[in-house]
Amino acid sequence: MAEARAETLIDDEKVRVTRFDFDPGDETGWHVHGMDYVITALTDCPMRLEEPGGETRDVMVPAGTVYRRDKGVEHNVINGGAEPMAFIETELKE
């Protein structure tokens, strides 16, 4: 699988904002979030989430919706759909 494209839009003392673009099958690679974060879906995002312990789950995040997670989340995010997907991740610095 190919790696999703990441573009840092803002990185200052308060937040880091990154745009992620995925072709079908692209992935972020395994990572642990070091900060609380908010995801804003730019497109419909059919995410396949690989999680610790070998679990995999599919989640549809509709375009224009947002969700928040606490730091410490560990996963690999894959575009499980047939179309490109994109989202903005806003990490909240402490």
PDB file of N, CA and C in Angstrom:
ATOM      1  N   MET A   1       0.832  -1.192   0.000  1.00  0.00           N
ATOM      2  CA  MET A   1       0.000   0.000   0.000  1.00  0.00           C
ATOM      3  C   MET A   1       0.873   1.251   0.000  1.00  0.00           C
ATOM      4  N   ALA A   2       0.364   2.290  -0.599  1.00  0.00           N
ATOM      5  CA  ALA A   2       1.073   3.570  -0.641  1.00  0.00           C
ATOM      6  C   ALA A   2       0.713   4.407   0.583  1.00  0.00           C
ATOM      7  N   GLU A   3       1.570   5.354   0.892  1.00  0.00           N
ATOM      8  CA  GLU A   3       1.323   6.229   2.042  1.00  0.00           C
ATOM      9  C   GLU A   3       0.484   7.435   1.614  1.00  0.00           C
ATOM     10  N   ALA A   4      -0.457   7.809   2.475  1.00  0.00           N
ATOM     11  CA  ALA A   4      -1.270   9.009   2.246  1.00  0.00           C
ATOM     12  C   ALA A   4      -0.361  10.231   2.190  1.00  0.00           C
ATOM     13  N   ARG A   5      -0.791  11.231   1.439  1.00  0.00           N
ATOM     14  CA  ARG A   5      -0.037  12.477   1.352  1.00  0.00           C
ATOM     15  C   ARG A   5      -0.461  13.389   2.498  1.00  0.00           C
ATOM     16  N   ALA A   6       0.513  13.950   3.201  1.00  0.00           N
ATOM     17  CA  ALA A   6       0.244  14.845   4.336  1.00  0.00           C
ATOM     18  C   ALA A   6       0.869  16.200   4.053  1.00  0.00           C
ATOM     19  N   GLU A   7       0.080  17.261   4.236  1.00  0.00           N
ATOM     20  CA  GLU A   7       0.566  18.626   4.047  1.00  0.00           C
ATOM     21  C   GLU A   7       0.289  19.429   5.311  1.00  0.00           C
ATOM     22  N   THR A   8       1.341  19.909   5.961  1.00  0.00           N
ATOM     23  CA  THR A   8       1.179  20.734   7.151  1.00  0.00           C
ATOM     24  C   THR A   8       0.706  22.120   6.722  1.00  0.00           C
ATOM     25  N   LEU A   9      -0.426  22.544   7.266  1.00  0.00           N
ATOM     26  CA  LEU A   9      -1.015  23.840   6.927  1.00  0.00           C
ATOM     27  C   LEU A   9      -0.679  24.906   7.966  1.00  0.00           C
ATOM     28  N   ILE A  10      -0.660  24.511   9.240  1.00  0.00           N
ATOM     29  CA  ILE A  10      -0.299  25.406  10.346  1.00  0.00           C
ATOM     30  C   ILE A  10       0.471  24.568  11.365  1.00  0.00           C
ATOM     31  N   ASP A  11       1.536  25.128  11.900  1.00  0.00           N
ATOM     32  CA  ASP A  11       2.257  24.487  13.004  1.00  0.00           C
ATOM     33  C   ASP A  11       2.833  25.614  13.852  1.00  0.00           C
ATOM     34  N   ASP A  12       2.063  25.997  14.893  1.00  0.00           N
ATOM     35  CA  ASP A  12       2.509  27.077  15.769  1.00  0.00           C
ATOM     36  C   ASP A  12       2.467  26.595  17.218  1.00  0.00           C
ATOM     37  N   GLU A  13       2.504  27.523  18.153  1.00  0.00           N
ATOM     38  CA  GLU A  13       2.556  27.141  19.575  1.00  0.00           C
ATOM     39  C   GLU A  13       1.237  26.557  20.083  1.00  0.00           C
ATOM     40  N   LYS A  14       0.143  26.736  19.366  1.00  0.00           N
ATOM     41  CA  LYS A  14      -1.176  26.283  19.825  1.00  0.00           C
ATOM     42  C   LYS A  14      -1.673  25.019  19.130  1.00  0.00           C
ATOM     43  N   VAL A  15      -1.487  24.931  17.799  1.00  0.00           N
ATOM     44  CA  VAL A  15      -2.035  23.810  17.023  1.00  0.00           C
ATOM     45  C   VAL A  15      -1.095  23.392  15.904  1.00  0.00           C
ATOM     46  N   ARG A  16      -1.285  22.152  15.471  1.00  0.00           N
ATOM     47  CA  ARG A  16      -0.700  21.676  14.215  1.00  0.00           C
ATOM     48  C   ARG A  16      -1.879  21.204  13.372  1.00  0.00           C
ATOM     49  N   VAL A  17      -2.029  21.767  12.175  1.00  0.00           N
ATOM     50  CA  VAL A  17      -3.125  21.427  11.278  1.00  0.00           C
ATOM     51  C   VAL A  17      -2.526  20.777  10.036  1.00  0.00           C
ATOM     52  N   THR A  18      -2.982  19.566   9.728  1.00  0.00           N
ATOM     53  CA  THR A  18      -2.443  18.799   8.614  1.00  0.00           C
ATOM     54  C   THR A  18      -3.577  18.308   7.733  1.00  0.00           C
ATOM     55  N   ARG A  19      -3.412  18.456   6.425  1.00  0.00           N
ATOM     56  CA  ARG A  19      -4.364  17.889   5.470  1.00  0.00           C
ATOM     57  C   ARG A  19      -3.815  16.543   5.005  1.00  0.00           C
ATOM     58  N   PHE A  20      -4.675  15.519   5.030  1.00  0.00           N
ATOM     59  CA  PHE A  20      -4.325  14.194   4.549  1.00  0.00           C
ATOM     60  C   PHE A  20      -5.163  13.865   3.326  1.00  0.00           C
ATOM     61  N   ASP A  21      -4.504  13.414   2.260  1.00  0.00           N
ATOM     62  CA  ASP A  21      -5.175  12.977   1.038  1.00  0.00           C
ATOM     63  C   ASP A  21      -4.788  11.528   0.759  1.00  0.00           C
ATOM     64  N   PHE A  22      -5.799  10.706   0.523  1.00  0.00           N
ATOM     65  CA  PHE A  22      -5.616   9.279   0.308  1.00  0.00           C
ATOM     66  C   PHE A  22      -6.218   8.870  -1.035  1.00  0.00           C
ATOM     67  N   ASP A  23      -5.470   8.165  -1.844  1.00  0.00           N
ATOM     68  CA  ASP A  23      -6.058   7.441  -2.954  1.00  0.00           C
ATOM     69  C   ASP A  23      -6.610   6.140  -2.376  1.00  0.00           C
ATOM     70  N   PRO A  24      -7.462   5.433  -3.106  1.00  0.00           N
ATOM     71  CA  PRO A  24      -7.969   4.160  -2.582  1.00  0.00           C
ATOM     72  C   PRO A  24      -6.810   3.240  -2.173  1.00  0.00           C
ATOM     73  N   GLY A  25      -6.908   2.693  -0.972  1.00  0.00           N
ATOM     74  CA  GLY A  25      -5.882   1.793  -0.454  1.00  0.00           C
ATOM     75  C   GLY A  25      -4.721   2.472   0.244  1.00  0.00           C
ATOM     76  N   ASP A  26      -4.557   3.789   0.106  1.00  0.00           N
ATOM     77  CA  ASP A  26      -3.467   4.495   0.800  1.00  0.00           C
ATOM     78  C   ASP A  26      -3.677   4.422   2.308  1.00  0.00           C
ATOM     79  N   GLU A  27      -2.595   4.527   3.050  1.00  0.00           N
ATOM     80  CA  GLU A  27      -2.650   4.426   4.508  1.00  0.00           C
ATOM     81  C   GLU A  27      -1.724   5.449   5.157  1.00  0.00           C
ATOM     82  N   THR A  28      -1.992   5.707   6.444  1.00  0.00           N
ATOM     83  CA  THR A  28      -1.121   6.615   7.199  1.00  0.00           C
ATOM     84  C   THR A  28       0.120   5.896   7.698  1.00  0.00           C
ATOM     85  N   GLY A  29       0.029   4.584   7.889  1.00  0.00           N
ATOM     86  CA  GLY A  29       1.060   3.845   8.604  1.00  0.00           C
ATOM     87  C   GLY A  29       0.723   3.880  10.089  1.00  0.00           C
ATOM     88  N   TRP A  30       1.242   2.915  10.840  1.00  0.00           N
ATOM     89  CA  TRP A  30       0.966   2.851  12.272  1.00  0.00           C
ATOM     90  C   TRP A  30       1.517   4.083  12.968  1.00  0.00           C
ATOM     91  N   HIS A  31       0.719   4.660  13.861  1.00  0.00           N
ATOM     92  CA  HIS A  31       1.172   5.822  14.628  1.00  0.00           C
ATOM     93  C   HIS A  31       0.366   5.929  15.918  1.00  0.00           C
ATOM     94  N   VAL A  32       0.954   6.632  16.890  1.00  0.00           N
ATOM     95  CA  VAL A  32       0.301   6.939  18.158  1.00  0.00           C
ATOM     96  C   VAL A  32       0.154   8.452  18.228  1.00  0.00           C
ATOM     97  N   HIS A  33      -1.059   8.917  18.498  1.00  0.00           N
ATOM     98  CA  HIS A  33      -1.305  10.359  18.588  1.00  0.00           C
ATOM     99  C   HIS A  33      -0.750  10.896  19.903  1.00  0.00           C
ATOM    100  N   GLY A  34       0.162  11.867  19.803  1.00  0.00           N
ATOM    101  CA  GLY A  34       0.781  12.460  20.977  1.00  0.00           C
ATOM    102  C   GLY A  34       0.022  13.655  21.528  1.00  0.00           C
ATOM    103  N   MET A  35      -1.058  14.042  20.844  1.00  0.00           N
ATOM    104  CA  MET A  35      -1.868  15.189  21.272  1.00  0.00           C
ATOM    105  C   MET A  35      -3.343  14.869  21.052  1.00  0.00           C
ATOM    106  N   ASP A  36      -4.228  15.527  21.822  1.00  0.00           N
ATOM    107  CA  ASP A  36      -5.656  15.476  21.501  1.00  0.00           C
ATOM    108  C   ASP A  36      -5.816  16.029  20.088  1.00  0.00           C
ATOM    109  N   TYR A  37      -6.842  15.531  19.361  1.00  0.00           N
ATOM    110  CA  TYR A  37      -6.994  15.990  17.981  1.00  0.00           C
ATOM    111  C   TYR A  37      -8.445  15.986  17.532  1.00  0.00           C
ATOM    112  N   VAL A  38      -8.699  16.773  16.483  1.00  0.00           N
ATOM    113  CA  VAL A  38     -10.010  16.881  15.855  1.00  0.00           C
ATOM    114  C   VAL A  38      -9.836  16.568  14.376  1.00  0.00           C
ATOM    115  N   ILE A  39     -10.705  15.713  13.834  1.00  0.00           N
ATOM    116  CA  ILE A  39     -10.713  15.383  12.410  1.00  0.00           C
ATOM    117  C   ILE A  39     -11.926  16.047  11.762  1.00  0.00           C
ATOM    118  N   THR A  40     -11.710  16.723  10.631  1.00  0.00           N
ATOM    119  CA  THR A  40     -12.780  17.299   9.823  1.00  0.00           C
ATOM    120  C   THR A  40     -12.732  16.629   8.454  1.00  0.00           C
ATOM    121  N   ALA A  41     -13.774  15.900   8.103  1.00  0.00           N
ATOM    122  CA  ALA A  41     -13.818  15.190   6.823  1.00  0.00           C
ATOM    123  C   ALA A  41     -14.127  16.163   5.695  1.00  0.00           C
ATOM    124  N   LEU A  42     -13.268  16.202   4.696  1.00  0.00           N
ATOM    125  CA  LEU A  42     -13.483  17.040   3.521  1.00  0.00           C
ATOM    126  C   LEU A  42     -14.301  16.302   2.458  1.00  0.00           C
ATOM    127  N   THR A  43     -14.143  14.983   2.428  1.00  0.00           N
ATOM    128  CA  THR A  43     -14.902  14.106   1.541  1.00  0.00           C
ATOM    129  C   THR A  43     -15.530  13.035   2.415  1.00  0.00           C
ATOM    130  N   ASP A  44     -16.410  12.225   1.853  1.00  0.00           N
ATOM    131  CA  ASP A  44     -16.802  11.016   2.571  1.00  0.00           C
ATOM    132  C   ASP A  44     -15.532  10.209   2.796  1.00  0.00           C
ATOM    133  N   CYS A  45     -15.356   9.707   4.018  1.00  0.00           N
ATOM    134  CA  CYS A  45     -14.126   8.995   4.384  1.00  0.00           C
ATOM    135  C   CYS A  45     -14.458   7.586   4.871  1.00  0.00           C
ATOM    136  N   PRO A  46     -14.411   6.614   3.968  1.00  0.00           N
ATOM    137  CA  PRO A  46     -14.612   5.225   4.373  1.00  0.00           C
ATOM    138  C   PRO A  46     -13.311   4.675   4.971  1.00  0.00           C
ATOM    139  N   MET A  47     -13.119   4.908   6.262  1.00  0.00           N
ATOM    140  CA  MET A  47     -11.864   4.555   6.925  1.00  0.00           C
ATOM    141  C   MET A  47     -11.868   3.096   7.367  1.00  0.00           C
ATOM    142  N   ARG A  48     -10.800   2.404   7.020  1.00  0.00           N
ATOM    143  CA  ARG A  48     -10.524   1.090   7.600  1.00  0.00           C
ATOM    144  C   ARG A  48      -9.455   1.336   8.652  1.00  0.00           C
ATOM    145  N   LEU A  49      -9.782   1.037   9.896  1.00  0.00           N
ATOM    146  CA  LEU A  49      -8.881   1.300  11.019  1.00  0.00           C
ATOM    147  C   LEU A  49      -8.272  -0.005  11.498  1.00  0.00           C
ATOM    148  N   GLU A  50      -6.951  -0.113  11.386  1.00  0.00           N
ATOM    149  CA  GLU A  50      -6.234  -1.231  11.980  1.00  0.00           C
ATOM    150  C   GLU A  50      -5.837  -0.786  13.376  1.00  0.00           C
ATOM    151  N   GLU A  51      -6.177  -1.611  14.373  1.00  0.00           N
ATOM    152  CA  GLU A  51      -5.958  -1.233  15.761  1.00  0.00           C
ATOM    153  C   GLU A  51      -5.101  -2.278  16.464  1.00  0.00           C
ATOM    154  N   PRO A  52      -4.523  -1.897  17.616  1.00  0.00           N
ATOM    155  CA  PRO A  52      -3.681  -2.839  18.352  1.00  0.00           C
ATOM    156  C   PRO A  52      -4.430  -4.140  18.649  1.00  0.00           C
ATOM    157  N   GLY A  53      -3.682  -5.218  18.685  1.00  0.00           N
ATOM    158  CA  GLY A  53      -4.288  -6.517  18.957  1.00  0.00           C
ATOM    159  C   GLY A  53      -4.796  -7.209  17.701  1.00  0.00           C
ATOM    160  N   GLY A  54      -4.549  -6.593  16.533  1.00  0.00           N
ATOM    161  CA  GLY A  54      -4.947  -7.211  15.277  1.00  0.00           C
ATOM    162  C   GLY A  54      -6.370  -6.940  14.846  1.00  0.00           C
ATOM    163  N   GLU A  55      -7.076  -6.086  15.587  1.00  0.00           N
ATOM    164  CA  GLU A  55      -8.460  -5.776  15.221  1.00  0.00           C
ATOM    165  C   GLU A  55      -8.498  -4.781  14.073  1.00  0.00           C
ATOM    166  N   THR A  56      -9.489  -4.947  13.196  1.00  0.00           N
ATOM    167  CA  THR A  56      -9.737  -4.023  12.090  1.00  0.00           C
ATOM    168  C   THR A  56     -11.214  -3.693  12.089  1.00  0.00           C
ATOM    169  N   ARG A  57     -11.530  -2.409  11.907  1.00  0.00           N
ATOM    170  CA  ARG A  57     -12.940  -2.032  11.798  1.00  0.00           C
ATOM    171  C   ARG A  57     -13.086  -0.964  10.729  1.00  0.00           C
ATOM    172  N   ASP A  58     -14.270  -0.956  10.103  1.00  0.00           N
ATOM    173  CA  ASP A  58     -14.590   0.007   9.063  1.00  0.00           C
ATOM    174  C   ASP A  58     -15.536   1.050   9.622  1.00  0.00           C
ATOM    175  N   VAL A  59     -15.217   2.323   9.351  1.00  0.00           N
ATOM    176  CA  VAL A  59     -16.019   3.449   9.836  1.00  0.00           C
ATOM    177  C   VAL A  59     -16.222   4.417   8.676  1.00  0.00           C
ATOM    178  N   MET A  60     -17.468   4.848   8.446  1.00  0.00           N
ATOM    179  CA  MET A  60     -17.739   5.872   7.443  1.00  0.00           C
ATOM    180  C   MET A  60     -17.877   7.214   8.142  1.00  0.00           C
ATOM    181  N   VAL A  61     -17.028   8.170   7.769  1.00  0.00           N
ATOM    182  CA  VAL A  61     -17.102   9.527   8.300  1.00  0.00           C
ATOM    183  C   VAL A  61     -17.595  10.404   7.143  1.00  0.00           C
ATOM    184  N   PRO A  62     -18.840  10.870   7.196  1.00  0.00           N
ATOM    185  CA  PRO A  62     -19.395  11.649   6.083  1.00  0.00           C
ATOM    186  C   PRO A  62     -18.698  13.003   5.912  1.00  0.00           C
ATOM    187  N   ALA A  63     -18.626  13.456   4.670  1.00  0.00           N
ATOM    188  CA  ALA A  63     -18.048  14.766   4.364  1.00  0.00           C
ATOM    189  C   ALA A  63     -18.714  15.844   5.208  1.00  0.00           C
ATOM    190  N   GLY A  64     -17.903  16.766   5.737  1.00  0.00           N
ATOM    191  CA  GLY A  64     -18.416  17.886   6.509  1.00  0.00           C
ATOM    192  C   GLY A  64     -18.620  17.608   7.982  1.00  0.00           C
ATOM    193  N   THR A  65     -18.371  16.377   8.413  1.00  0.00           N
ATOM    194  CA  THR A  65     -18.539  16.065   9.834  1.00  0.00           C
ATOM    195  C   THR A  65     -17.189  16.100  10.539  1.00  0.00           C
ATOM    196  N   VAL A  66     -17.252  16.192  11.867  1.00  0.00           N
ATOM    197  CA  VAL A  66     -16.042  16.265  12.684  1.00  0.00           C
ATOM    198  C   VAL A  66     -16.146  15.282  13.851  1.00  0.00           C
ATOM    199  N   TYR A  67     -14.982  14.872  14.349  1.00  0.00           N
ATOM    200  CA  TYR A  67     -14.936  14.115  15.602  1.00  0.00           C
ATOM    201  C   TYR A  67     -13.632  14.436  16.318  1.00  0.00           C
ATOM    202  N   ARG A  68     -13.623  14.177  17.630  1.00  0.00           N
ATOM    203  CA  ARG A  68     -12.462  14.479  18.471  1.00  0.00           C
ATOM    204  C   ARG A  68     -12.010  13.222  19.200  1.00  0.00           C
ATOM    205  N   ARG A  69     -10.706  13.076  19.355  1.00  0.00           N
ATOM    206  CA  ARG A  69     -10.139  11.960  20.110  1.00  0.00           C
ATOM    207  C   ARG A  69      -9.059  12.491  21.049  1.00  0.00           C
ATOM    208  N   ASP A  70      -8.850  11.752  22.140  1.00  0.00           N
ATOM    209  CA  ASP A  70      -7.793  12.082  23.089  1.00  0.00           C
ATOM    210  C   ASP A  70      -6.453  11.541  22.614  1.00  0.00           C
ATOM    211  N   LYS A  71      -5.373  12.155  23.102  1.00  0.00           N
ATOM    212  CA  LYS A  71      -4.044  11.650  22.776  1.00  0.00           C
ATOM    213  C   LYS A  71      -3.915  10.204  23.236  1.00  0.00           C
ATOM    214  N   GLY A  72      -2.994   9.496  22.619  1.00  0.00           N
ATOM    215  CA  GLY A  72      -2.760   8.095  22.968  1.00  0.00           C
ATOM    216  C   GLY A  72      -3.392   7.097  22.016  1.00  0.00           C
ATOM    217  N   VAL A  73      -4.271   7.558  21.112  1.00  0.00           N
ATOM    218  CA  VAL A  73      -4.879   6.650  20.139  1.00  0.00           C
ATOM    219  C   VAL A  73      -3.776   6.087  19.240  1.00  0.00           C
ATOM    220  N   GLU A  74      -3.797   4.764  19.057  1.00  0.00           N
ATOM    221  CA  GLU A  74      -2.830   4.090  18.190  1.00  0.00           C
ATOM    222  C   GLU A  74      -3.593   3.363  17.094  1.00  0.00           C
ATOM    223  N   HIS A  75      -3.187   3.593  15.831  1.00  0.00           N
ATOM    224  CA  HIS A  75      -3.861   2.928  14.724  1.00  0.00           C
ATOM    225  C   HIS A  75      -3.128   3.173  13.405  1.00  0.00           C
ATOM    226  N   ASN A  76      -3.609   2.482  12.372  1.00  0.00           N
ATOM    227  CA  ASN A  76      -3.246   2.739  10.980  1.00  0.00           C
ATOM    228  C   ASN A  76      -4.550   3.034  10.269  1.00  0.00           C
ATOM    229  N   VAL A  77      -4.643   4.182   9.584  1.00  0.00           N
ATOM    230  CA  VAL A  77      -5.854   4.569   8.871  1.00  0.00           C
ATOM    231  C   VAL A  77      -5.653   4.279   7.385  1.00  0.00           C
ATOM    232  N   ILE A  78      -6.604   3.554   6.795  1.00  0.00           N
ATOM    233  CA  ILE A  78      -6.547   3.161   5.381  1.00  0.00           C
ATOM    234  C   ILE A  78      -7.804   3.666   4.692  1.00  0.00           C
ATOM    235  N   ASN A  79      -7.661   4.153   3.462  1.00  0.00           N
ATOM    236  CA  ASN A  79      -8.841   4.468   2.655  1.00  0.00           C
ATOM    237  C   ASN A  79      -9.412   3.145   2.169  1.00  0.00           C
ATOM    238  N   GLY A  80     -10.519   2.728   2.779  1.00  0.00           N
ATOM    239  CA  GLY A  80     -11.157   1.467   2.433  1.00  0.00           C
ATOM    240  C   GLY A  80     -12.147   1.577   1.300  1.00  0.00           C
ATOM    241  N   GLY A  81     -12.250   2.750   0.680  1.00  0.00           N
ATOM    242  CA  GLY A  81     -13.218   2.965  -0.384  1.00  0.00           C
ATOM    243  C   GLY A  81     -12.600   2.918  -1.772  1.00  0.00           C
ATOM    244  N   ALA A  82     -13.436   3.193  -2.770  1.00  0.00           N
ATOM    245  CA  ALA A  82     -13.023   3.151  -4.173  1.00  0.00           C
ATOM    246  C   ALA A  82     -12.701   4.529  -4.738  1.00  0.00           C
ATOM    247  N   GLU A  83     -12.895   5.582  -3.941  1.00  0.00           N
ATOM    248  CA  GLU A  83     -12.655   6.959  -4.371  1.00  0.00           C
ATOM    249  C   GLU A  83     -11.618   7.612  -3.451  1.00  0.00           C
ATOM    250  N   PRO A  84     -10.951   8.681  -3.929  1.00  0.00           N
ATOM    251  CA  PRO A  84     -10.041   9.411  -3.043  1.00  0.00           C
ATOM    252  C   PRO A  84     -10.790   9.957  -1.816  1.00  0.00           C
ATOM    253  N   MET A  85     -10.084  10.069  -0.698  1.00  0.00           N
ATOM    254  CA  MET A  85     -10.673  10.685   0.495  1.00  0.00           C
ATOM    255  C   MET A  85      -9.673  11.672   1.068  1.00  0.00           C
ATOM    256  N   ALA A  86     -10.225  12.673   1.806  1.00  0.00           N
ATOM    257  CA  ALA A  86      -9.372  13.708   2.393  1.00  0.00           C
ATOM    258  C   ALA A  86      -9.981  14.190   3.696  1.00  0.00           C
ATOM    259  N   PHE A  87      -9.108  14.495   4.653  1.00  0.00           N
ATOM    260  CA  PHE A  87      -9.561  15.103   5.905  1.00  0.00           C
ATOM    261  C   PHE A  87      -8.488  16.033   6.435  1.00  0.00           C
ATOM    262  N   ILE A  88      -8.915  16.921   7.328  1.00  0.00           N
ATOM    263  CA  ILE A  88      -8.023  17.822   8.055  1.00  0.00           C
ATOM    264  C   ILE A  88      -7.920  17.324   9.493  1.00  0.00           C
ATOM    265  N   GLU A  89      -6.680  17.213   9.970  1.00  0.00           N
ATOM    266  CA  GLU A  89      -6.437  16.840  11.365  1.00  0.00           C
ATOM    267  C   GLU A  89      -5.877  18.064  12.080  1.00  0.00           C
ATOM    268  N   THR A  90      -6.550  18.467  13.179  1.00  0.00           N
ATOM    269  CA  THR A  90      -6.085  19.579  13.993  1.00  0.00           C
ATOM    270  C   THR A  90      -5.643  19.020  15.340  1.00  0.00           C
ATOM    271  N   GLU A  91      -4.346  19.083  15.602  1.00  0.00           N
ATOM    272  CA  GLU A  91      -3.797  18.603  16.863  1.00  0.00           C
ATOM    273  C   GLU A  91      -3.690  19.784  17.820  1.00  0.00           C
ATOM    274  N   LEU A  92      -4.127  19.569  19.057  1.00  0.00           N
ATOM    275  CA  LEU A  92      -4.181  20.620  20.061  1.00  0.00           C
ATOM    276  C   LEU A  92      -2.966  20.504  20.971  1.00  0.00           C
ATOM    277  N   LYS A  93      -2.079  21.480  20.901  1.00  0.00           N
ATOM    278  CA  LYS A  93      -0.861  21.447  21.710  1.00  0.00           C
ATOM    279  C   LYS A  93      -1.178  21.906  23.123  1.00  0.00           C
ATOM    280  N   GLU A  94      -0.537  21.279  24.090  1.00  0.00           N
ATOM    281  CA  GLU A  94      -0.786  21.626  25.500  1.00  0.00           C
ATOM    282  C   GLU A  94       0.098  22.770  25.937  1.00  0.00           C
TER     283      GLU A  94
END
